[in-house]
Amino acid sequence: MAGKFSLRSIAFTLVAGVSMALASTAVQAQTLEKIKSAGVIRIGVMGEQAPWGSIDASGQNIGYDVDVAKLIGEEMGVKVEFVPNAVSARIPNLLTGKVDLQMAVMGMYPDRAKAVQFSKPYAGLKIILLSSTKNNIEKIEDAKDLRIGVPRGAAQDKSITTLLGDVPNIRRFDDDSSNMQALVSGQVDAIGGNTTYKINLDKAAPGNDFEQKLVFNEQWMGVTTKLGDSEINAWLNQFIDKIKADGRLEAINKKWLGEDKLPNFPEKLEGVPFTVE
């Protein structure tokens, strides 16, 4: 009797598991239709990281990610609701449903790809170390005794911590603007940032002597959704192909980054699938 009960229990569990998986797939397949039915899509962007995402004097969201997000809304035929994000809150905000899509300078890395689904890349930048011209830094070890600022949990935090270890002189800040302000005010001697930091530093402190010292890696950005959400992932990849082909993405790239041509986007990234597997 016990054996039969056990077998029936196992069979029931397997059937239930399959049913739950099918139900889950059905819910995921309805995501795009639900967004269209609601008439609004909530998209996560940065609130204080120009030129990717910031707030202008009239309180409007502006930036590279913002302009791409607006095109997503136009293509879907829905209104876009922008949700500003702290760096450390980007993935939690997506997974807890506070946003439908996350576009807050989402660098495409294998560890993140375990938690979220990336689209094809639509933007790129380099992760770098910036410091005064007075500091001679040719390799990261030259900066080991300097106070180095990073946004907590960002790609530059990981890069510098991996290379130097979690040393006490690495100072972590809640966002990019606080990180840059720490360099301008002299709280730190160098900061981990990206290639667009210099644009913002020149606005905040005209005539500064900050320069790019090191390049840690090239970072590609994709639109992120929840894992397994195949329908909206496929839609996003088609959308990115479309705005690359018709010149709209190139126009956004020139407007915000000052570059005449789009970068050569990779066809694949190790450990980061562009489609739901």
C-alpha atoms as a PDB file:
ATOM      1  CA  MET A   1       0.000   0.000   0.000  1.00  0.00           C
ATOM      2  CA  ALA A   2       2.757   2.378   0.947  1.00  0.00           C
ATOM      3  CA  GLY A   3       4.528   1.666  -2.344  1.00  0.00           C
ATOM      4  CA  LYS A   4       1.382   2.359  -4.394  1.00  0.00           C
ATOM      5  CA  PHE A   5       0.722   5.537  -2.458  1.00  0.00           C
ATOM      6  CA  SER A   6       4.267   6.647  -3.055  1.00  0.00           C
ATOM      7  CA  LEU A   7       4.047   6.001  -6.801  1.00  0.00           C
ATOM      8  CA  ARG A   8       0.709   7.793  -7.055  1.00  0.00           C
ATOM      9  CA  SER A   9       2.175  10.723  -5.109  1.00  0.00           C
ATOM     10  CA  ILE A  10       5.130  10.913  -7.446  1.00  0.00           C
ATOM     11  CA  ALA A  11       2.888  10.759 -10.507  1.00  0.00           C
ATOM     12  CA  PHE A  12       0.629  13.458  -9.085  1.00  0.00           C
ATOM     13  CA  THR A  13       3.622  15.649  -8.310  1.00  0.00           C
ATOM     14  CA  LEU A  14       4.969  15.274 -11.846  1.00  0.00           C
ATOM     15  CA  VAL A  15       1.609  16.096 -13.425  1.00  0.00           C
ATOM     16  CA  ALA A  16       1.166  19.053 -11.109  1.00  0.00           C
ATOM     17  CA  GLY A  17       4.641  20.251 -11.925  1.00  0.00           C
ATOM     18  CA  VAL A  18       3.969  20.080 -15.668  1.00  0.00           C
ATOM     19  CA  SER A  19       0.649  21.858 -15.218  1.00  0.00           C
ATOM     20  CA  MET A  20       2.292  24.616 -13.208  1.00  0.00           C
ATOM     21  CA  ALA A  21       5.019  25.000 -15.846  1.00  0.00           C
ATOM     22  CA  LEU A  22       2.398  25.264 -18.606  1.00  0.00           C
ATOM     23  CA  ALA A  23       0.406  27.765 -16.580  1.00  0.00           C
ATOM     24  CA  SER A  24       3.555  29.786 -15.985  1.00  0.00           C
ATOM     25  CA  THR A  25       4.325  29.787 -19.713  1.00  0.00           C
ATOM     26  CA  ALA A  26       0.789  30.950 -20.460  1.00  0.00           C
ATOM     27  CA  VAL A  27       1.130  33.843 -18.009  1.00  0.00           C
ATOM     28  CA  GLN A  28       4.464  34.830 -19.547  1.00  0.00           C
ATOM     29  CA  ALA A  29       3.003  34.653 -23.047  1.00  0.00           C
ATOM     30  CA  GLN A  30       0.317  37.119 -22.002  1.00  0.00           C
ATOM     31  CA  THR A  31       2.817  39.723 -20.781  1.00  0.00           C
ATOM     32  CA  LEU A  32       2.973  41.737 -24.011  1.00  0.00           C
ATOM     33  CA  GLU A  33      -0.795  41.631 -24.476  1.00  0.00           C
ATOM     34  CA  LYS A  34      -1.332  42.708 -20.863  1.00  0.00           C
ATOM     35  CA  ILE A  35       0.920  45.718 -21.390  1.00  0.00           C
ATOM     36  CA  LYS A  36      -0.931  46.683 -24.553  1.00  0.00           C
ATOM     37  CA  SER A  37      -4.294  46.205 -22.857  1.00  0.00           C
ATOM     38  CA  ALA A  38      -3.211  48.362 -19.921  1.00  0.00           C
ATOM     39  CA  GLY A  39      -2.065  51.060 -22.324  1.00  0.00           C
ATOM     40  CA  VAL A  40       1.084  51.782 -20.329  1.00  0.00           C
ATOM     41  CA  ILE A  41       4.534  50.256 -19.898  1.00  0.00           C
ATOM     42  CA  ARG A  42       6.706  50.978 -16.854  1.00  0.00           C
ATOM     43  CA  ILE A  43      10.355  51.276 -17.816  1.00  0.00           C
ATOM     44  CA  GLY A  44      13.230  51.624 -15.367  1.00  0.00           C
ATOM     45  CA  VAL A  45      15.844  54.301 -16.160  1.00  0.00           C
ATOM     46  CA  MET A  46      18.522  56.154 -14.237  1.00  0.00           C
ATOM     47  CA  GLY A  47      17.464  59.454 -12.710  1.00  0.00           C
ATOM     48  CA  GLU A  48      20.891  61.039 -12.193  1.00  0.00           C
ATOM     49  CA  GLN A  49      23.233  59.625 -14.810  1.00  0.00           C
ATOM     50  CA  ALA A  50      23.437  61.813 -17.873  1.00  0.00           C
ATOM     51  CA  PRO A  51      23.577  61.222 -20.762  1.00  0.00           C
ATOM     52  CA  TRP A  52      21.806  57.879 -20.160  1.00  0.00           C
ATOM     53  CA  GLY A  53      19.011  58.978 -17.865  1.00  0.00           C
ATOM     54  CA  SER A  54      18.437  62.181 -15.889  1.00  0.00           C
ATOM     55  CA  ILE A  55      15.763  64.758 -15.043  1.00  0.00           C
ATOM     56  CA  ASP A  56      15.741  68.144 -16.780  1.00  0.00           C
ATOM     57  CA  ALA A  57      14.760  71.514 -15.302  1.00  0.00           C
ATOM     58  CA  SER A  58      11.101  70.931 -16.151  1.00  0.00           C
ATOM     59  CA  GLY A  59      11.070  67.573 -14.364  1.00  0.00           C
ATOM     60  CA  GLN A  60      11.099  65.458 -17.536  1.00  0.00           C
ATOM     61  CA  ASN A  61      13.147  62.303 -18.028  1.00  0.00           C
ATOM     62  CA  ILE A  62      15.818  62.746 -20.700  1.00  0.00           C
ATOM     63  CA  GLY A  63      18.717  60.694 -22.046  1.00  0.00           C
ATOM     64  CA  TYR A  64      19.809  57.895 -24.360  1.00  0.00           C
ATOM     65  CA  ASP A  65      17.890  55.162 -22.530  1.00  0.00           C
ATOM     66  CA  VAL A  66      14.884  57.453 -22.226  1.00  0.00           C
ATOM     67  CA  ASP A  67      14.757  58.121 -25.977  1.00  0.00           C
ATOM     68  CA  VAL A  68      15.006  54.396 -26.771  1.00  0.00           C
ATOM     69  CA  ALA A  69      12.277  53.719 -24.195  1.00  0.00           C
ATOM     70  CA  LYS A  70      10.030  56.313 -25.856  1.00  0.00           C
ATOM     71  CA  LEU A  71      10.459  54.483 -29.167  1.00  0.00           C
ATOM     72  CA  ILE A  72       9.425  51.244 -27.432  1.00  0.00           C
ATOM     73  CA  GLY A  73       6.239  52.950 -26.294  1.00  0.00           C
ATOM     74  CA  GLU A  74       5.564  54.303 -29.778  1.00  0.00           C
ATOM     75  CA  GLU A  75       6.084  50.903 -31.404  1.00  0.00           C
ATOM     76  CA  MET A  76       3.830  49.181 -28.853  1.00  0.00           C
ATOM     77  CA  GLY A  77       1.250  51.938 -29.013  1.00  0.00           C
ATOM     78  CA  VAL A  78       1.307  52.550 -25.263  1.00  0.00           C
ATOM     79  CA  LYS A  79       2.276  55.333 -22.877  1.00  0.00           C
ATOM     80  CA  VAL A  80       5.671  55.060 -21.149  1.00  0.00           C
ATOM     81  CA  GLU A  81       5.871  55.519 -17.387  1.00  0.00           C
ATOM     82  CA  PHE A  82       9.478  56.135 -16.326  1.00  0.00           C
ATOM     83  CA  VAL A  83      10.677  54.724 -13.015  1.00  0.00           C
ATOM     84  CA  PRO A  84      14.003  56.186 -11.749  1.00  0.00           C
ATOM     85  CA  ASN A  85      16.347  53.565 -10.248  1.00  0.00           C
ATOM     86  CA  ALA A  86      19.269  53.451  -7.877  1.00  0.00           C
ATOM     87  CA  VAL A  87      22.057  51.222  -9.242  1.00  0.00           C
ATOM     88  CA  SER A  88      21.579  48.543  -6.586  1.00  0.00           C
ATOM     89  CA  ALA A  89      17.772  48.487  -7.062  1.00  0.00           C
ATOM     90  CA  ARG A  90      17.693  47.807 -10.798  1.00  0.00           C
ATOM     91  CA  ILE A  91      17.297  44.030 -10.775  1.00  0.00           C
ATOM     92  CA  PRO A  92      15.122  43.916  -7.614  1.00  0.00           C
ATOM     93  CA  ASN A  93      12.754  46.475  -9.156  1.00  0.00           C
ATOM     94  CA  LEU A  94      12.342  44.254 -12.221  1.00  0.00           C
ATOM     95  CA  LEU A  95      11.937  40.998 -10.336  1.00  0.00           C
ATOM     96  CA  THR A  96       9.389  42.446  -7.893  1.00  0.00           C
ATOM     97  CA  GLY A  97       7.272  43.893 -10.700  1.00  0.00           C
ATOM     98  CA  LYS A  98       7.916  47.581 -10.035  1.00  0.00           C
ATOM     99  CA  VAL A  99       8.931  47.898 -13.695  1.00  0.00           C
ATOM    100  CA  ASP A 100       8.003  45.921 -16.803  1.00  0.00           C
ATOM    101  CA  LEU A 101      11.352  46.528 -18.496  1.00  0.00           C
ATOM    102  CA  GLN A 102      14.663  47.599 -17.005  1.00  0.00           C
ATOM    103  CA  MET A 103      16.833  49.966 -19.080  1.00  0.00           C
ATOM    104  CA  ALA A 104      18.887  51.770 -16.419  1.00  0.00           C
ATOM    105  CA  VAL A 105      22.307  51.331 -18.095  1.00  0.00           C
ATOM    106  CA  MET A 106      22.003  47.558 -17.720  1.00  0.00           C
ATOM    107  CA  GLY A 107      25.436  46.140 -18.506  1.00  0.00           C
ATOM    108  CA  MET A 108      25.295  42.632 -19.957  1.00  0.00           C
ATOM    109  CA  TYR A 109      27.232  40.267 -17.675  1.00  0.00           C
ATOM    110  CA  PRO A 110      26.943  36.507 -17.062  1.00  0.00           C
ATOM    111  CA  ASP A 111      26.126  36.873 -13.352  1.00  0.00           C
ATOM    112  CA  ARG A 112      23.219  39.200 -14.164  1.00  0.00           C
ATOM    113  CA  ALA A 113      22.047  36.899 -16.960  1.00  0.00           C
ATOM    114  CA  LYS A 114      21.340  34.279 -14.300  1.00  0.00           C
ATOM    115  CA  ALA A 115      18.724  36.603 -12.780  1.00  0.00           C
ATOM    116  CA  VAL A 116      17.268  38.480 -15.763  1.00  0.00           C
ATOM    117  CA  GLN A 117      16.821  38.054 -19.511  1.00  0.00           C
ATOM    118  CA  PHE A 118      18.757  40.414 -21.772  1.00  0.00           C
ATOM    119  CA  SER A 119      17.776  41.510 -25.267  1.00  0.00           C
ATOM    120  CA  LYS A 120      20.304  42.184 -27.993  1.00  0.00           C
ATOM    121  CA  PRO A 121      22.556  45.138 -27.116  1.00  0.00           C
ATOM    122  CA  TYR A 122      21.360  48.606 -28.096  1.00  0.00           C
ATOM    123  CA  ALA A 123      24.195  50.700 -26.588  1.00  0.00           C
ATOM    124  CA  GLY A 124      27.786  50.404 -25.452  1.00  0.00           C
ATOM    125  CA  LEU A 125      30.430  52.097 -23.331  1.00  0.00           C
ATOM    126  CA  LYS A 126      33.742  51.381 -21.610  1.00  0.00           C
ATOM    127  CA  ILE A 127      34.233  50.826 -17.875  1.00  0.00           C
ATOM    128  CA  ILE A 128      37.193  52.977 -16.827  1.00  0.00           C
ATOM    129  CA  LEU A 129      39.206  54.509 -13.995  1.00  0.00           C
ATOM    130  CA  LEU A 130      39.380  58.309 -13.820  1.00  0.00           C
ATOM    131  CA  SER A 131      41.773  60.411 -11.777  1.00  0.00           C
ATOM    132  CA  SER A 132      43.768  63.639 -11.816  1.00  0.00           C
ATOM    133  CA  THR A 133      46.573  64.079 -14.330  1.00  0.00           C
ATOM    134  CA  LYS A 134      48.841  64.418 -11.274  1.00  0.00           C
ATOM    135  CA  ASN A 135      48.385  60.727 -10.466  1.00  0.00           C
ATOM    136  CA  ASN A 136      50.517  58.420 -12.567  1.00  0.00           C
ATOM    137  CA  ILE A 137      48.380  55.313 -13.041  1.00  0.00           C
ATOM    138  CA  GLU A 138      49.376  52.870 -15.769  1.00  0.00           C
ATOM    139  CA  LYS A 139      48.003  49.719 -14.132  1.00  0.00           C
ATOM    140  CA  ILE A 140      45.483  49.145 -11.364  1.00  0.00           C
ATOM    141  CA  GLU A 141      48.226  48.304  -8.843  1.00  0.00           C
ATOM    142  CA  ASP A 142      49.435  51.922  -9.180  1.00  0.00           C
ATOM    143  CA  ALA A 143      46.121  52.995  -7.599  1.00  0.00           C
ATOM    144  CA  LYS A 144      46.080  50.491  -4.717  1.00  0.00           C
ATOM    145  CA  ASP A 145      46.978  53.147  -2.107  1.00  0.00           C
ATOM    146  CA  LEU A 146      44.547  55.731  -3.474  1.00  0.00           C
ATOM    147  CA  ARG A 147      41.006  56.262  -2.234  1.00  0.00           C
ATOM    148  CA  ILE A 148      38.838  54.890  -5.049  1.00  0.00           C
ATOM    149  CA  GLY A 149      35.134  55.642  -5.375  1.00  0.00           C
ATOM    150  CA  VAL A 150      32.630  53.329  -7.087  1.00  0.00           C
ATOM    151  CA  PRO A 151      28.832  53.102  -7.299  1.00  0.00           C
ATOM    152  CA  ARG A 152      27.853  50.202  -5.073  1.00  0.00           C
ATOM    153  CA  GLY A 153      27.207  47.021  -7.046  1.00  0.00           C
ATOM    154  CA  ALA A 154      28.022  48.547 -10.442  1.00  0.00           C
ATOM    155  CA  ALA A 155      30.317  46.982 -13.051  1.00  0.00           C
ATOM    156  CA  GLN A 156      33.233  49.186 -11.989  1.00  0.00           C
ATOM    157  CA  ASP A 157      32.793  48.090  -8.375  1.00  0.00           C
ATOM    158  CA  LYS A 158      33.129  44.468  -9.454  1.00  0.00           C
ATOM    159  CA  SER A 159      36.067  45.137 -11.800  1.00  0.00           C
ATOM    160  CA  ILE A 160      38.142  47.055  -9.263  1.00  0.00           C
ATOM    161  CA  THR A 161      37.298  44.743  -6.354  1.00  0.00           C
ATOM    162  CA  THR A 162      38.219  41.712  -8.450  1.00  0.00           C
ATOM    163  CA  LEU A 163      41.593  43.215  -9.348  1.00  0.00           C
ATOM    164  CA  LEU A 164      42.550  44.769  -6.000  1.00  0.00           C
ATOM    165  CA  GLY A 165      40.535  42.718  -3.540  1.00  0.00           C
ATOM    166  CA  ASP A 166      37.988  44.270  -1.196  1.00  0.00           C
ATOM    167  CA  VAL A 167      40.483  46.739   0.284  1.00  0.00           C
ATOM    168  CA  PRO A 168      39.382  49.419   2.791  1.00  0.00           C
ATOM    169  CA  ASN A 169      40.225  52.326   0.482  1.00  0.00           C
ATOM    170  CA  ILE A 170      37.453  51.380  -1.969  1.00  0.00           C
ATOM    171  CA  ARG A 171      34.631  53.785  -1.093  1.00  0.00           C
ATOM    172  CA  ARG A 172      31.156  52.744  -2.238  1.00  0.00           C
ATOM    173  CA  PHE A 173      28.427  55.276  -3.030  1.00  0.00           C
ATOM    174  CA  ASP A 174      24.724  54.817  -3.676  1.00  0.00           C
ATOM    175  CA  ASP A 175      24.724  56.254  -7.199  1.00  0.00           C
ATOM    176  CA  ASP A 176      26.847  57.652 -10.006  1.00  0.00           C
ATOM    177  CA  SER A 177      26.305  61.318  -9.146  1.00  0.00           C
ATOM    178  CA  SER A 178      27.515  60.775  -5.557  1.00  0.00           C
ATOM    179  CA  ASN A 179      30.518  58.918  -6.914  1.00  0.00           C
ATOM    180  CA  MET A 180      31.470  61.781  -9.253  1.00  0.00           C
ATOM    181  CA  GLN A 181      30.838  64.409  -6.570  1.00  0.00           C
ATOM    182  CA  ALA A 182      33.238  62.562  -4.276  1.00  0.00           C
ATOM    183  CA  LEU A 183      36.005  62.982  -6.878  1.00  0.00           C
ATOM    184  CA  VAL A 184      35.215  66.670  -7.476  1.00  0.00           C
ATOM    185  CA  SER A 185      35.151  67.423  -3.731  1.00  0.00           C
ATOM    186  CA  GLY A 186      38.349  65.497  -2.991  1.00  0.00           C
ATOM    187  CA  GLN A 187      36.747  62.753  -0.907  1.00  0.00           C
ATOM    188  CA  VAL A 188      38.419  60.227  -3.202  1.00  0.00           C
ATOM    189  CA  ASP A 189      41.474  60.318  -5.454  1.00  0.00           C
ATOM    190  CA  ALA A 190      40.058  58.242  -8.302  1.00  0.00           C
ATOM    191  CA  ILE A 191      36.745  56.751  -9.361  1.00  0.00           C
ATOM    192  CA  GLY A 192      35.578  53.781 -11.325  1.00  0.00           C
ATOM    193  CA  GLY A 193      33.165  55.004 -13.963  1.00  0.00           C
ATOM    194  CA  ASN A 194      32.355  54.795 -17.635  1.00  0.00           C
ATOM    195  CA  THR A 195      33.253  56.787 -20.712  1.00  0.00           C
ATOM    196  CA  THR A 196      30.293  59.157 -20.281  1.00  0.00           C
ATOM    197  CA  TYR A 197      31.443  60.221 -16.808  1.00  0.00           C
ATOM    198  CA  LYS A 198      33.871  62.737 -18.354  1.00  0.00           C
ATOM    199  CA  ILE A 199      30.969  64.549 -20.016  1.00  0.00           C
ATOM    200  CA  ASN A 200      29.297  65.008 -16.625  1.00  0.00           C
ATOM    201  CA  LEU A 201      32.515  65.893 -14.779  1.00  0.00           C
ATOM    202  CA  ASP A 202      33.252  68.655 -17.278  1.00  0.00           C
ATOM    203  CA  LYS A 203      29.788  70.105 -16.649  1.00  0.00           C
ATOM    204  CA  ALA A 204      30.080  69.832 -12.855  1.00  0.00           C
ATOM    205  CA  ALA A 205      33.658  71.091 -12.649  1.00  0.00           C
ATOM    206  CA  PRO A 206      34.711  73.017 -15.781  1.00  0.00           C
ATOM    207  CA  GLY A 207      38.476  73.129 -16.268  1.00  0.00           C
ATOM    208  CA  ASN A 208      39.101  69.986 -14.183  1.00  0.00           C
ATOM    209  CA  ASP A 209      42.194  67.855 -14.776  1.00  0.00           C
ATOM    210  CA  PHE A 210      40.478  64.461 -14.588  1.00  0.00           C
ATOM    211  CA  GLU A 211      41.378  61.976 -17.294  1.00  0.00           C
ATOM    212  CA  GLN A 212      40.839  58.376 -18.257  1.00  0.00           C
ATOM    213  CA  LYS A 213      43.577  56.226 -16.768  1.00  0.00           C
ATOM    214  CA  LEU A 214      42.558  52.617 -17.365  1.00  0.00           C
ATOM    215  CA  VAL A 215      39.963  50.677 -19.342  1.00  0.00           C
ATOM    216  CA  PHE A 216      38.663  47.594 -17.524  1.00  0.00           C
ATOM    217  CA  ASN A 217      36.280  46.296 -20.148  1.00  0.00           C
ATOM    218  CA  GLU A 218      33.792  47.228 -22.837  1.00  0.00           C
ATOM    219  CA  GLN A 219      30.236  47.071 -21.618  1.00  0.00           C
ATOM    220  CA  TRP A 220      27.171  46.427 -23.731  1.00  0.00           C
ATOM    221  CA  MET A 221      23.668  47.343 -22.610  1.00  0.00           C
ATOM    222  CA  GLY A 222      20.493  45.394 -23.269  1.00  0.00           C
ATOM    223  CA  VAL A 223      16.847  45.736 -22.280  1.00  0.00           C
ATOM    224  CA  THR A 224      16.074  43.323 -19.456  1.00  0.00           C
ATOM    225  CA  THR A 225      12.935  41.356 -18.706  1.00  0.00           C
ATOM    226  CA  LYS A 226      12.164  38.525 -16.316  1.00  0.00           C
ATOM    227  CA  LEU A 227      13.650  35.132 -17.100  1.00  0.00           C
ATOM    228  CA  GLY A 228      11.502  33.022 -19.413  1.00  0.00           C
ATOM    229  CA  ASP A 229       9.499  35.936 -20.804  1.00  0.00           C
ATOM    230  CA  SER A 230      10.032  34.805 -24.393  1.00  0.00           C
ATOM    231  CA  GLU A 231       7.304  36.804 -26.119  1.00  0.00           C
ATOM    232  CA  ILE A 232       8.420  40.257 -25.053  1.00  0.00           C
ATOM    233  CA  ASN A 233      12.093  39.294 -25.455  1.00  0.00           C
ATOM    234  CA  ALA A 234      11.451  38.341 -29.090  1.00  0.00           C
ATOM    235  CA  TRP A 235       9.520  41.590 -29.622  1.00  0.00           C
ATOM    236  CA  LEU A 236      12.393  43.646 -28.176  1.00  0.00           C
ATOM    237  CA  ASN A 237      14.987  41.954 -30.386  1.00  0.00           C
ATOM    238  CA  GLN A 238      12.907  42.675 -33.488  1.00  0.00           C
ATOM    239  CA  PHE A 239      12.455  46.266 -32.298  1.00  0.00           C
ATOM    240  CA  ILE A 240      16.217  46.764 -31.795  1.00  0.00           C
ATOM    241  CA  ASP A 241      16.929  45.373 -35.274  1.00  0.00           C
ATOM    242  CA  LYS A 242      14.343  47.774 -36.701  1.00  0.00           C
ATOM    243  CA  ILE A 243      15.665  50.978 -35.086  1.00  0.00           C
ATOM    244  CA  LYS A 244      19.236  50.029 -36.026  1.00  0.00           C
ATOM    245  CA  ALA A 245      18.208  49.490 -39.647  1.00  0.00           C
ATOM    246  CA  ASP A 246      16.107  52.643 -40.050  1.00  0.00           C
ATOM    247  CA  GLY A 247      18.659  55.013 -38.455  1.00  0.00           C
ATOM    248  CA  ARG A 248      16.692  55.986 -35.353  1.00  0.00           C
ATOM    249  CA  LEU A 249      19.177  54.354 -32.955  1.00  0.00           C
ATOM    250  CA  GLU A 250      22.115  55.986 -34.738  1.00  0.00           C
ATOM    251  CA  ALA A 251      20.421  59.381 -34.317  1.00  0.00           C
ATOM    252  CA  ILE A 252      19.995  58.777 -30.573  1.00  0.00           C
ATOM    253  CA  ASN A 253      23.635  57.676 -30.314  1.00  0.00           C
ATOM    254  CA  LYS A 254      24.823  60.867 -32.017  1.00  0.00           C
ATOM    255  CA  LYS A 255      22.508  63.088 -29.960  1.00  0.00           C
ATOM    256  CA  TRP A 256      23.639  61.826 -26.569  1.00  0.00           C
ATOM    257  CA  LEU A 257      27.135  60.403 -27.098  1.00  0.00           C
ATOM    258  CA  GLY A 258      28.315  62.625 -29.944  1.00  0.00           C
ATOM    259  CA  GLU A 259      29.336  59.671 -32.092  1.00  0.00           C
ATOM    260  CA  ASP A 260      28.504  59.622 -35.798  1.00  0.00           C
ATOM    261  CA  LYS A 261      28.286  55.859 -36.050  1.00  0.00           C
ATOM    262  CA  LEU A 262      26.910  53.100 -33.893  1.00  0.00           C
ATOM    263  CA  PRO A 263      29.471  50.759 -32.327  1.00  0.00           C
ATOM    264  CA  ASN A 264      29.918  47.290 -33.779  1.00  0.00           C
ATOM    265  CA  PHE A 265      27.484  45.435 -31.565  1.00  0.00           C
ATOM    266  CA  PRO A 266      28.504  41.846 -30.767  1.00  0.00           C
ATOM    267  CA  GLU A 267      26.482  39.008 -32.274  1.00  0.00           C
ATOM    268  CA  LYS A 268      26.886  37.064 -29.022  1.00  0.00           C
ATOM    269  CA  LEU A 269      28.354  37.423 -25.539  1.00  0.00           C
ATOM    270  CA  GLU A 270      29.734  34.522 -23.534  1.00  0.00           C
ATOM    271  CA  GLY A 271      27.303  33.556 -20.785  1.00  0.00           C
ATOM    272  CA  VAL A 272      24.695  36.147 -21.828  1.00  0.00           C
ATOM    273  CA  PRO A 273      21.976  34.798 -24.153  1.00  0.00           C
ATOM    274  CA  PHE A 274      20.059  37.427 -26.134  1.00  0.00           C
ATOM    275  CA  THR A 275      17.030  35.152 -26.473  1.00  0.00           C
ATOM    276  CA  VAL A 276      15.114  32.949 -24.046  1.00  0.00           C
ATOM    277  CA  GLU A 277      16.731  29.505 -23.995  1.00  0.00           C
END
